[in-house]
Amino acid sequence: MAQRPTVRWNEQKQRWMAWVRFPDGTRRKIERVSKSDALADLDRLLANRDEGLEAAPSRARLVTFDEVLDAWFEAGSPNVAPSRTSRHARKKSPNTIASARQVLGTNIRPAIGGRRVDRTSAEDLEALFQGMADRGYATSTVTHAWNYLNQACQHALRARTISRNVAPDVMLPEVVPSKKRKSLTREQAEKMVFEVIPESTRPAMWLTGLMSGLRPGELAGLRWPFVDLDSEPPTVAVMERAARVGDKYVGQAVPKTEGSKRRLDLHPLNVAALLQHRDEQKLLGLYDPDGLVFPTKNGTPMSPRNMRRALRKMCADAGFGEDWTTYELRHSCMSLLADELSDMVKVSEVAGHADTRTSDIYRHPVRDSVPHAADAWDRLLSRSEHWKAE
């Protein structure tokens, strides 16, 4: 019986190497930086030989990361692979694919795009992701970059264009706490409703965002057919959103999740603002019964950048500081509702969340002090004969 091939260290090339001869007389060379990778390749080749499979061309496995990523995008950016819990394909949205192209194009392709996948170790990838962290990228961006790269390599592994996917072995950098979201306090919210928003250029939009807690895309993409101001009670139905790929508006889309579809009662203040806004649009000849409620002068939805800029100016003028995002208007709504209702199930229904765990993330302090203990003791002692006697 022929001796089993073994991997040996090549001092000149600084690599672990081995050769496997197939019955047709061809030889396949294994050449890896890591001994464990070389042993895994050797076992795979020997298994193919024992099963009578033909040896794949030696260069077939040596594709680059650029080629792997291109093939993955061409295939529609499929999810990783079937698993014990899910064997169904998951279609990515155009916005997710655009995000993947941007993240991989900015951070992965320039660094390792031309490298051969099968000659790249987990340590090489770890150095890449550590470099992203050192340059100040958020943990979520680093994680997304790894996730998209892993999916692309897994797709190539299933297509047998690479022999091994090292991405699952990568240890990502230490988690860096992300910037914490915040909420308007009760006093700030009162000032926004009665002083700041009425003086803004789009009072109905900001009041709807604050009082109904719509996502920025839902607010920007709200259309008049889904705003019922003449029924009792007046309502707004969240059935679509403004969809964007990169910075470009590409039309209306369904909400983020099926549970995001919801119908909300409107507060009288919000109704009054929307009625005035509709009358102004009619007076200016801008009203379209099927059109957007809060369009730009070109009839398109406001961009996230312009919405954020306008909100920051409002908050800065009100003395709340400039570091505000449009999403924190939604956070403010949920925090204020949670403080008043003390029922996170109802808050989740308003937010369009699947459960209260997601809504808890949106909950921030809105008072300078927490009165619950004092209030509870006041109610408890008010029933006491000793308290009544005093």
Protein backbone atom coordinates (compact mmCIF):
# COMPACT_ATOMS: atom_id res chain seq x y z
CA MET A 1 0.00 0.00 0.00
CA ALA A 2 1.34 3.41 -0.95
CA GLN A 3 2.41 5.61 1.91
CA ARG A 4 -0.08 8.30 2.83
CA PRO A 5 1.12 11.77 1.78
CA THR A 6 1.98 14.17 4.60
CA VAL A 7 2.35 17.90 4.84
CA ARG A 8 5.87 19.26 5.25
CA TRP A 9 7.21 22.71 6.04
CA ASN A 10 8.94 24.44 3.13
CA GLU A 11 11.47 26.83 4.62
CA GLN A 12 12.05 28.72 1.38
CA LYS A 13 8.38 29.42 0.69
CA GLN A 14 7.44 29.60 4.37
CA ARG A 15 4.44 27.36 3.76
CA TRP A 16 3.13 23.89 4.58
CA MET A 17 3.08 21.77 1.43
CA ALA A 18 2.02 18.32 0.24
CA TRP A 19 1.38 16.48 -3.04
CA VAL A 20 -1.35 13.99 -3.90
CA ARG A 21 -1.07 11.75 -6.97
CA PHE A 22 -4.33 10.66 -8.65
CA PRO A 23 -4.85 7.41 -10.61
CA ASP A 24 -4.66 9.27 -13.93
CA GLY A 25 -1.10 10.26 -13.09
CA THR A 26 -1.80 13.90 -12.28
CA ARG A 27 -0.56 15.50 -9.09
CA ARG A 28 -2.16 18.19 -7.03
CA LYS A 29 -0.10 20.43 -4.82
CA ILE A 30 -1.24 21.76 -1.45
CA GLU A 31 0.37 24.97 -0.29
CA ARG A 32 -0.94 26.76 2.80
CA VAL A 33 0.36 29.16 5.43
CA SER A 34 -1.44 27.33 8.22
CA LYS A 35 -0.68 23.68 8.94
CA SER A 36 -4.28 23.00 9.92
CA ASP A 37 -5.43 24.42 6.57
CA ALA A 38 -2.92 22.25 4.73
CA LEU A 39 -4.05 19.11 6.61
CA ALA A 40 -7.70 19.91 5.85
CA ASP A 41 -6.90 20.32 2.14
CA LEU A 42 -4.92 17.08 2.16
CA ASP A 43 -7.79 15.14 3.76
CA ARG A 44 -10.19 16.58 1.19
CA LEU A 45 -8.02 15.63 -1.77
CA LEU A 46 -7.42 12.12 -0.42
CA ALA A 47 -11.16 11.66 0.11
CA ASN A 48 -11.80 12.69 -3.49
CA ARG A 49 -9.16 10.25 -4.69
CA ASP A 50 -10.53 7.38 -2.61
CA GLU A 51 -14.04 8.02 -3.94
CA GLY A 52 -12.75 7.92 -7.50
CA LEU A 53 -13.46 11.58 -8.16
CA GLU A 54 -11.39 13.44 -10.69
CA ALA A 55 -8.92 15.99 -9.41
CA ALA A 56 -10.14 19.50 -10.04
CA PRO A 57 -7.78 21.75 -12.01
CA SER A 58 -5.18 23.07 -9.60
CA ARG A 59 -6.02 26.70 -10.39
CA ALA A 60 -9.78 26.22 -10.09
CA ARG A 61 -9.66 26.82 -6.34
CA LEU A 62 -7.34 29.78 -6.45
CA VAL A 63 -9.93 32.45 -7.12
CA THR A 64 -9.62 35.92 -5.64
CA PHE A 65 -11.91 37.64 -3.19
CA ASP A 66 -12.98 40.02 -5.96
CA GLU A 67 -14.09 37.05 -8.06
CA VAL A 68 -15.93 35.51 -5.12
CA LEU A 69 -17.74 38.76 -4.35
CA ASP A 70 -18.63 39.36 -8.01
CA ALA A 71 -20.13 35.87 -8.28
CA TRP A 72 -22.09 36.37 -5.07
CA PHE A 73 -23.61 39.67 -6.25
CA GLU A 74 -24.37 38.16 -9.66
CA ALA A 75 -26.27 35.35 -7.91
CA GLY A 76 -28.37 37.90 -6.02
CA SER A 77 -26.39 37.92 -2.76
CA PRO A 78 -27.95 34.74 -1.29
CA ASN A 79 -27.90 34.01 2.42
CA VAL A 80 -25.22 31.78 3.89
CA ALA A 81 -26.40 28.18 3.56
CA PRO A 82 -29.13 25.76 4.66
CA SER A 83 -29.05 25.00 8.38
CA ARG A 84 -30.89 22.84 10.84
CA THR A 85 -33.31 25.68 11.61
CA SER A 86 -33.82 27.09 8.11
CA ARG A 87 -33.38 25.73 4.62
CA HIS A 88 -35.24 28.52 2.86
CA ALA A 89 -33.59 31.19 0.74
CA ARG A 90 -33.97 34.74 2.00
CA LYS A 91 -34.16 37.45 -0.63
CA LYS A 92 -32.27 40.63 0.20
CA SER A 93 -33.82 44.01 -0.48
CA PRO A 94 -32.18 46.32 -3.05
CA ASN A 95 -31.19 48.62 -0.19
CA THR A 96 -29.44 45.78 1.66
CA ILE A 97 -27.57 44.78 -1.50
CA ALA A 98 -26.55 48.40 -2.07
CA SER A 99 -25.30 48.54 1.52
CA ALA A 100 -23.31 45.33 1.01
CA ARG A 101 -21.70 46.72 -2.13
CA GLN A 102 -20.75 49.90 -0.30
CA VAL A 103 -19.32 48.18 2.79
CA LEU A 104 -17.38 45.57 0.82
CA GLY A 105 -16.25 48.06 -1.81
CA THR A 106 -14.92 50.49 0.78
CA ASN A 107 -13.26 48.14 3.24
CA ILE A 108 -12.75 44.64 1.79
CA ARG A 109 -11.96 44.93 -1.90
CA PRO A 110 -9.18 47.53 -1.55
CA ALA A 111 -7.45 45.46 1.14
CA ILE A 112 -7.76 41.85 -0.06
CA GLY A 113 -9.74 41.92 -3.33
CA GLY A 114 -6.81 40.61 -5.38
CA ARG A 115 -5.73 37.94 -2.90
CA ARG A 116 -6.40 34.24 -3.43
CA VAL A 117 -9.10 33.06 -1.05
CA ASP A 118 -7.51 29.65 -0.45
CA ARG A 119 -4.20 31.26 0.47
CA THR A 120 -5.69 33.62 3.04
CA SER A 121 -5.75 32.65 6.70
CA ALA A 122 -8.14 33.59 9.46
CA GLU A 123 -5.34 35.67 10.96
CA ASP A 124 -5.14 37.71 7.73
CA LEU A 125 -8.84 38.52 7.94
CA GLU A 126 -8.61 39.30 11.63
CA ALA A 127 -5.91 41.88 10.86
CA LEU A 128 -8.22 43.40 8.23
CA PHE A 129 -11.16 43.78 10.60
CA GLN A 130 -8.92 45.01 13.42
CA GLY A 131 -7.70 47.70 11.04
CA MET A 132 -11.30 48.78 10.45
CA ALA A 133 -11.86 49.03 14.19
CA ASP A 134 -8.62 51.00 14.64
CA ARG A 135 -9.82 53.48 12.01
CA GLY A 136 -12.92 54.17 14.07
CA TYR A 137 -15.55 52.09 12.29
CA ALA A 138 -18.54 51.14 14.43
CA THR A 139 -18.83 47.56 15.63
CA SER A 140 -21.98 47.15 13.54
CA THR A 141 -20.09 48.14 10.36
CA VAL A 142 -17.29 45.68 11.10
CA THR A 143 -19.84 42.94 11.77
CA HIS A 144 -21.73 43.69 8.55
CA ALA A 145 -18.49 43.59 6.55
CA TRP A 146 -17.63 40.18 8.02
CA ASN A 147 -21.18 38.88 7.50
CA TYR A 148 -21.32 39.83 3.82
CA LEU A 149 -17.82 38.42 3.22
CA ASN A 150 -18.76 35.19 4.97
CA GLN A 151 -21.91 34.82 2.88
CA ALA A 152 -19.97 35.39 -0.35
CA CYS A 153 -17.31 32.83 0.63
CA GLN A 154 -19.94 30.32 1.71
CA HIS A 155 -21.62 30.74 -1.68
CA ALA A 156 -18.27 30.07 -3.39
CA LEU A 157 -17.68 27.02 -1.16
CA ARG A 158 -21.03 25.54 -2.16
CA ALA A 159 -20.15 26.20 -5.81
CA ARG A 160 -16.77 24.49 -5.17
CA THR A 161 -14.76 27.41 -6.50
CA ILE A 162 -12.90 27.55 -3.18
CA SER A 163 -11.89 24.66 -0.96
CA ARG A 164 -12.45 26.30 2.41
CA ASN A 165 -14.17 29.30 3.94
CA VAL A 166 -12.01 30.73 6.73
CA ALA A 167 -14.44 33.53 7.64
CA PRO A 168 -16.29 31.49 10.33
CA ASP A 169 -12.96 31.05 12.17
CA VAL A 170 -12.38 34.79 12.41
CA MET A 171 -12.43 36.47 15.82
CA LEU A 172 -13.74 40.00 15.36
CA PRO A 173 -12.38 42.97 17.36
CA GLU A 174 -13.71 43.84 20.79
CA VAL A 175 -17.16 45.42 20.77
CA VAL A 176 -17.11 49.21 20.97
CA PRO A 177 -20.30 50.59 22.55
CA SER A 178 -22.33 52.43 19.95
CA LYS A 179 -23.60 55.93 20.37
CA LYS A 180 -26.60 55.85 22.68
CA ARG A 181 -29.91 57.12 21.41
CA LYS A 182 -31.76 59.67 23.46
CA SER A 183 -35.22 61.09 23.96
CA LEU A 184 -36.81 64.44 24.55
CA THR A 185 -37.75 64.90 28.20
CA ARG A 186 -41.30 65.73 29.19
CA GLU A 187 -40.44 69.41 29.44
CA GLN A 188 -38.62 69.42 26.09
CA ALA A 189 -41.51 67.59 24.39
CA GLU A 190 -43.97 70.16 25.73
CA LYS A 191 -41.80 72.98 24.41
CA MET A 192 -41.49 71.24 21.03
CA VAL A 193 -45.27 70.81 20.69
CA PHE A 194 -46.35 74.29 21.78
CA GLU A 195 -43.41 76.55 20.85
CA VAL A 196 -40.84 75.03 18.50
CA ILE A 197 -42.87 73.00 16.01
CA PRO A 198 -45.55 75.67 15.36
CA GLU A 199 -42.77 78.09 14.30
CA SER A 200 -41.12 75.56 11.94
CA THR A 201 -41.62 75.38 8.17
CA ARG A 202 -43.24 71.91 8.37
CA PRO A 203 -45.25 71.82 11.61
CA ALA A 204 -47.63 69.04 10.49
CA MET A 205 -44.76 66.74 9.56
CA TRP A 206 -42.85 67.16 12.81
CA LEU A 207 -46.00 66.86 14.93
CA THR A 208 -46.97 63.65 13.13
CA GLY A 209 -43.47 62.27 13.62
CA LEU A 210 -43.40 63.08 17.32
CA MET A 211 -46.97 62.17 18.26
CA SER A 212 -47.36 59.04 16.10
CA GLY A 213 -43.78 57.74 16.24
CA LEU A 214 -43.43 56.98 12.54
CA ARG A 215 -40.09 55.82 11.20
CA PRO A 216 -38.34 58.45 9.04
CA GLY A 217 -39.07 56.49 5.87
CA GLU A 218 -42.72 56.05 6.88
CA LEU A 219 -43.04 59.76 7.62
CA ALA A 220 -41.37 60.84 4.38
CA GLY A 221 -43.39 58.34 2.32
CA LEU A 222 -46.79 59.00 3.89
CA ARG A 223 -49.49 59.59 1.24
CA TRP A 224 -52.92 61.22 1.56
CA PRO A 225 -54.94 58.03 0.81
CA PHE A 226 -53.70 56.71 4.15
CA VAL A 227 -54.60 59.83 6.16
CA ASP A 228 -58.27 59.92 7.18
CA LEU A 229 -59.07 63.26 8.80
CA ASP A 230 -62.84 63.15 8.27
CA SER A 231 -63.76 59.96 10.11
CA GLU A 232 -64.25 59.53 13.82
CA PRO A 233 -61.69 59.01 15.13
CA PRO A 234 -59.25 60.50 12.59
CA THR A 235 -56.49 58.02 11.77
CA VAL A 236 -53.25 57.54 9.86
CA ALA A 237 -52.52 54.13 8.32
CA VAL A 238 -48.89 53.06 7.96
CA MET A 239 -48.98 50.84 4.88
CA GLU A 240 -45.90 51.94 2.94
CA ARG A 241 -42.67 53.87 3.16
CA ALA A 242 -40.31 55.81 0.94
CA ALA A 243 -37.71 53.36 -0.38
CA ARG A 244 -34.19 54.53 -1.07
CA VAL A 245 -31.16 52.80 -2.56
CA GLY A 246 -28.16 54.75 -1.39
CA ASP A 247 -29.24 58.39 -1.58
CA LYS A 248 -31.73 57.86 -4.40
CA TYR A 249 -35.50 57.59 -3.94
CA VAL A 250 -36.71 54.54 -5.90
CA GLY A 251 -40.43 54.59 -5.09
CA GLN A 252 -42.81 53.37 -2.43
CA ALA A 253 -42.27 50.07 -0.63
CA VAL A 254 -44.00 48.01 2.03
CA PRO A 255 -43.08 48.79 5.66
CA LYS A 256 -40.02 47.27 7.32
CA THR A 257 -41.92 44.21 8.57
CA GLU A 258 -45.46 42.85 8.29
CA GLY A 259 -46.05 43.92 11.89
CA SER A 260 -45.09 47.48 10.96
CA LYS A 261 -48.41 47.87 9.15
CA ARG A 262 -50.69 49.63 11.59
CA ARG A 263 -53.46 52.21 11.92
CA LEU A 264 -53.08 54.91 14.57
CA ASP A 265 -55.59 57.33 16.04
CA LEU A 266 -54.53 60.96 15.71
CA HIS A 267 -54.47 63.50 18.53
CA PRO A 268 -56.64 66.60 17.94
CA LEU A 269 -53.53 68.80 17.80
CA ASN A 270 -52.11 66.59 15.08
CA VAL A 271 -55.43 66.59 13.22
CA ALA A 272 -55.59 70.39 13.30
CA ALA A 273 -52.05 70.65 11.95
CA LEU A 274 -52.77 68.20 9.12
CA LEU A 275 -56.02 69.97 8.18
CA GLN A 276 -54.20 73.29 7.98
CA HIS A 277 -51.40 71.67 5.99
CA ARG A 278 -53.91 70.19 3.52
CA ASP A 279 -55.68 73.54 3.10
CA GLU A 280 -52.36 75.27 2.43
CA GLN A 281 -51.44 72.68 -0.19
CA LYS A 282 -54.80 73.17 -1.93
CA LEU A 283 -54.38 76.94 -1.86
CA LEU A 284 -50.94 76.66 -3.47
CA GLY A 285 -52.14 74.10 -6.02
CA LEU A 286 -49.82 71.44 -4.59
CA TYR A 287 -52.44 69.06 -3.19
CA ASP A 288 -52.68 65.64 -4.83
CA PRO A 289 -55.23 63.29 -3.22
CA ASP A 290 -53.01 60.36 -4.17
CA GLY A 291 -49.72 62.14 -3.54
CA LEU A 292 -47.31 62.56 -0.67
CA VAL A 293 -48.40 64.39 2.44
CA PHE A 294 -45.02 66.04 3.04
CA PRO A 295 -43.32 66.31 -0.38
CA THR A 296 -40.44 68.49 -1.46
CA LYS A 297 -41.06 71.24 -4.00
CA ASN A 298 -40.29 68.64 -6.68
CA GLY A 299 -42.98 66.28 -5.39
CA THR A 300 -40.51 63.70 -4.04
CA PRO A 301 -40.10 62.55 -0.42
CA MET A 302 -37.75 64.51 1.79
CA SER A 303 -34.33 62.89 1.98
CA PRO A 304 -33.09 61.55 5.34
CA ARG A 305 -30.25 64.07 5.22
CA ASN A 306 -32.55 67.07 4.82
CA MET A 307 -34.92 65.81 7.51
CA ARG A 308 -32.01 65.35 9.91
CA ARG A 309 -30.60 68.79 9.12
CA ALA A 310 -33.96 70.48 9.71
CA LEU A 311 -34.54 68.65 13.01
CA ARG A 312 -31.07 69.52 14.29
CA LYS A 313 -31.66 73.20 13.55
CA MET A 314 -34.99 73.11 15.37
CA CYS A 315 -33.46 71.43 18.41
CA ALA A 316 -30.47 73.79 18.41
CA ASP A 317 -32.72 76.86 18.23
CA ALA A 318 -34.76 75.46 21.11
CA GLY A 319 -31.64 75.02 23.24
CA PHE A 320 -31.68 71.21 23.16
CA GLY A 321 -28.30 70.89 21.40
CA GLU A 322 -27.47 69.98 17.79
CA ASP A 323 -26.69 66.26 18.09
CA TRP A 324 -30.13 64.90 17.18
CA THR A 325 -31.25 62.39 14.55
CA THR A 326 -34.68 61.98 12.97
CA TYR A 327 -34.94 58.51 14.49
CA GLU A 328 -34.71 60.08 17.95
CA LEU A 329 -38.06 61.75 17.28
CA ARG A 330 -39.46 58.21 17.17
CA HIS A 331 -37.46 57.28 20.28
CA SER A 332 -38.97 60.30 22.03
CA CYS A 333 -42.51 59.22 21.15
CA MET A 334 -41.97 55.71 22.49
CA SER A 335 -40.22 56.91 25.66
CA LEU A 336 -42.97 59.41 26.47
CA LEU A 337 -45.70 56.85 25.78
CA ALA A 338 -43.97 54.25 27.96
CA ASP A 339 -43.74 56.77 30.80
CA GLU A 340 -47.43 57.64 30.56
CA LEU A 341 -48.95 54.26 29.74
CA SER A 342 -46.76 51.90 31.81
CA ASP A 343 -47.80 49.23 29.29
CA MET A 344 -45.08 48.20 26.84
CA VAL A 345 -47.52 46.05 24.84
CA LYS A 346 -49.44 49.16 23.84
CA VAL A 347 -46.18 50.97 23.08
CA SER A 348 -45.13 48.08 20.81
CA GLU A 349 -48.43 48.31 18.95
CA VAL A 350 -47.89 52.01 18.29
CA ALA A 351 -44.29 51.43 17.21
CA GLY A 352 -45.14 48.48 14.96
CA HIS A 353 -42.72 46.20 16.79
CA ALA A 354 -43.08 42.42 16.94
CA ASP A 355 -42.69 42.34 20.73
CA THR A 356 -41.87 44.49 23.74
CA ARG A 357 -38.17 43.55 23.74
CA THR A 358 -37.59 45.74 20.68
CA SER A 359 -39.66 48.56 22.17
CA ASP A 360 -37.58 48.46 25.36
CA ILE A 361 -34.57 49.56 23.29
CA TYR A 362 -36.49 52.74 22.43
CA ARG A 363 -37.25 53.54 26.05
CA HIS A 364 -35.20 56.34 27.63
CA PRO A 365 -35.59 58.42 30.81
CA VAL A 366 -37.91 61.40 30.30
CA ARG A 367 -37.98 62.73 33.89
CA ASP A 368 -35.35 64.31 36.10
CA SER A 369 -36.33 61.89 38.88
CA VAL A 370 -38.40 58.71 39.09
CA PRO A 371 -41.60 59.29 41.10
CA HIS A 372 -42.98 55.74 41.10
CA ALA A 373 -41.85 54.74 44.62
CA ALA A 374 -43.14 57.94 46.23
CA ASP A 375 -46.43 57.71 44.33
CA ALA A 376 -46.90 54.06 45.30
CA TRP A 377 -46.24 54.79 48.97
CA ASP A 378 -48.62 57.74 48.83
CA ARG A 379 -51.41 55.51 47.52
CA LEU A 380 -50.56 52.78 50.03
CA LEU A 381 -50.45 55.04 53.08
CA SER A 382 -53.52 57.00 52.04
CA ARG A 383 -55.54 53.87 52.91
CA SER A 384 -53.97 53.60 56.38
CA GLU A 385 -55.95 54.66 59.44
CA HIS A 386 -52.74 56.05 60.97
CA TRP A 387 -52.20 58.30 57.97
CA LYS A 388 -55.82 59.47 58.05
CA ALA A 389 -55.54 60.18 61.75
CA GLU A 390 -52.57 62.44 61.21
